[in-house]
Amino acid sequence: MCIMLMIEEWLDFIIQSRSGKKHDFDIVIGPMADDQIYNYITDLMNGVITREAFWELAKFKYPTHQIAFCTEKSLNCLNFIDCEEEV
């Protein structure tokens, strides 16, 4: 399992993932790069902005967190309990 905060290592992980690099984590928990953050990451990857500019742009964004189940093994840890139908 990998738990991340919105820090340099998170940014490196996101860039590597967006570049197609595989990882060995079963579950990844951390900030979700929403559309605006993703645009900043794309600009950083394309050399449009610097890493420092990315952090300046991103510092007032409060990303939601996500849990990504990345392997069959991690999915097998889940058990359905119940659901509710909205009326």
Protein backbone atom coordinates (compact mmCIF):
# COMPACT_ATOMS: atom_id res chain seq x y z
CA MET A 1 0.00 0.00 0.00
CA CYS A 2 1.16 3.52 -0.71
CA ILE A 3 -0.22 6.53 1.19
CA MET A 4 0.67 9.94 -0.24
CA LEU A 5 0.34 13.60 0.61
CA MET A 6 0.43 16.42 -1.91
CA ILE A 7 4.22 16.78 -1.73
CA GLU A 8 7.16 16.34 -4.13
CA GLU A 9 6.98 12.53 -3.99
CA TRP A 10 3.26 12.67 -4.87
CA LEU A 11 3.99 14.93 -7.84
CA ASP A 12 6.77 12.61 -9.02
CA PHE A 13 4.44 9.59 -8.68
CA ILE A 14 1.66 11.33 -10.66
CA ILE A 15 4.08 12.39 -13.42
CA GLN A 16 5.52 8.87 -13.64
CA SER A 17 2.02 7.34 -13.72
CA ARG A 18 0.86 9.78 -16.42
CA SER A 19 4.00 8.85 -18.38
CA GLY A 20 3.04 5.17 -18.31
CA LYS A 21 5.45 3.96 -15.64
CA LYS A 22 4.02 0.98 -13.72
CA HIS A 23 4.18 0.60 -9.95
CA ASP A 24 3.91 -2.41 -7.65
CA PHE A 25 1.40 -1.05 -5.13
CA ASP A 26 -1.82 -2.95 -4.53
CA ILE A 27 -3.59 0.13 -3.15
CA VAL A 28 -2.72 3.82 -3.53
CA ILE A 29 -4.31 6.38 -1.19
CA GLY A 30 -3.79 10.09 -1.64
CA PRO A 31 -4.85 13.36 -3.21
CA MET A 32 -6.78 13.09 -6.44
CA ALA A 33 -5.49 15.29 -9.25
CA ASP A 34 -8.70 16.99 -10.39
CA ASP A 35 -9.02 18.60 -13.83
CA GLN A 36 -7.31 21.83 -12.82
CA ILE A 37 -4.44 20.10 -11.00
CA TYR A 38 -4.14 17.70 -13.94
CA ASN A 39 -3.83 20.70 -16.30
CA TYR A 40 -1.03 22.09 -14.13
CA ILE A 41 0.70 18.69 -14.20
CA THR A 42 0.35 18.55 -17.98
CA ASP A 43 1.84 22.05 -18.25
CA LEU A 44 4.72 20.97 -16.01
CA MET A 45 5.33 17.81 -18.06
CA ASN A 46 5.26 19.85 -21.29
CA GLY A 47 7.71 22.43 -19.92
CA VAL A 48 5.11 25.22 -19.95
CA ILE A 49 5.57 25.88 -16.21
CA THR A 50 8.29 25.07 -13.71
CA ARG A 51 7.94 22.85 -10.67
CA GLU A 52 7.96 25.97 -8.50
CA ALA A 53 5.14 27.48 -10.57
CA PHE A 54 3.16 24.24 -10.22
CA TRP A 55 3.33 24.41 -6.42
CA GLU A 56 2.41 28.09 -6.44
CA LEU A 57 -0.66 27.37 -8.58
CA ALA A 58 -1.62 24.25 -6.63
CA LYS A 59 -1.18 25.58 -3.10
CA PHE A 60 -4.71 26.99 -2.81
CA LYS A 61 -6.33 23.87 -4.23
CA TYR A 62 -7.68 21.36 -1.76
CA PRO A 63 -7.79 18.05 -3.58
CA THR A 64 -10.18 15.34 -2.64
CA HIS A 65 -8.69 12.04 -1.64
CA GLN A 66 -9.01 8.81 -3.50
CA ILE A 67 -8.35 5.16 -2.90
CA ALA A 68 -7.19 3.31 -6.00
CA PHE A 69 -7.36 -0.49 -5.96
CA CYS A 70 -4.67 -1.33 -8.50
CA THR A 71 -4.54 -5.12 -8.44
CA GLU A 72 -6.86 -8.11 -8.38
CA LYS A 73 -5.40 -8.93 -4.97
CA SER A 74 -6.55 -5.60 -3.55
CA LEU A 75 -10.03 -5.96 -5.05
CA ASN A 76 -10.39 -9.35 -3.37
CA CYS A 77 -10.11 -7.56 0.00
CA LEU A 78 -13.43 -5.80 -0.58
CA ASN A 79 -16.72 -7.18 0.65
CA PHE A 80 -20.11 -5.86 -0.39
CA ILE A 81 -22.16 -5.02 2.71
CA ASP A 82 -25.24 -3.11 1.66
CA CYS A 83 -26.67 -0.43 -0.57
CA GLU A 84 -29.42 2.14 -0.34
CA GLU A 85 -31.63 3.27 -3.14
CA GLU A 86 -32.23 7.00 -3.44
CA VAL A 87 -35.85 8.06 -3.77
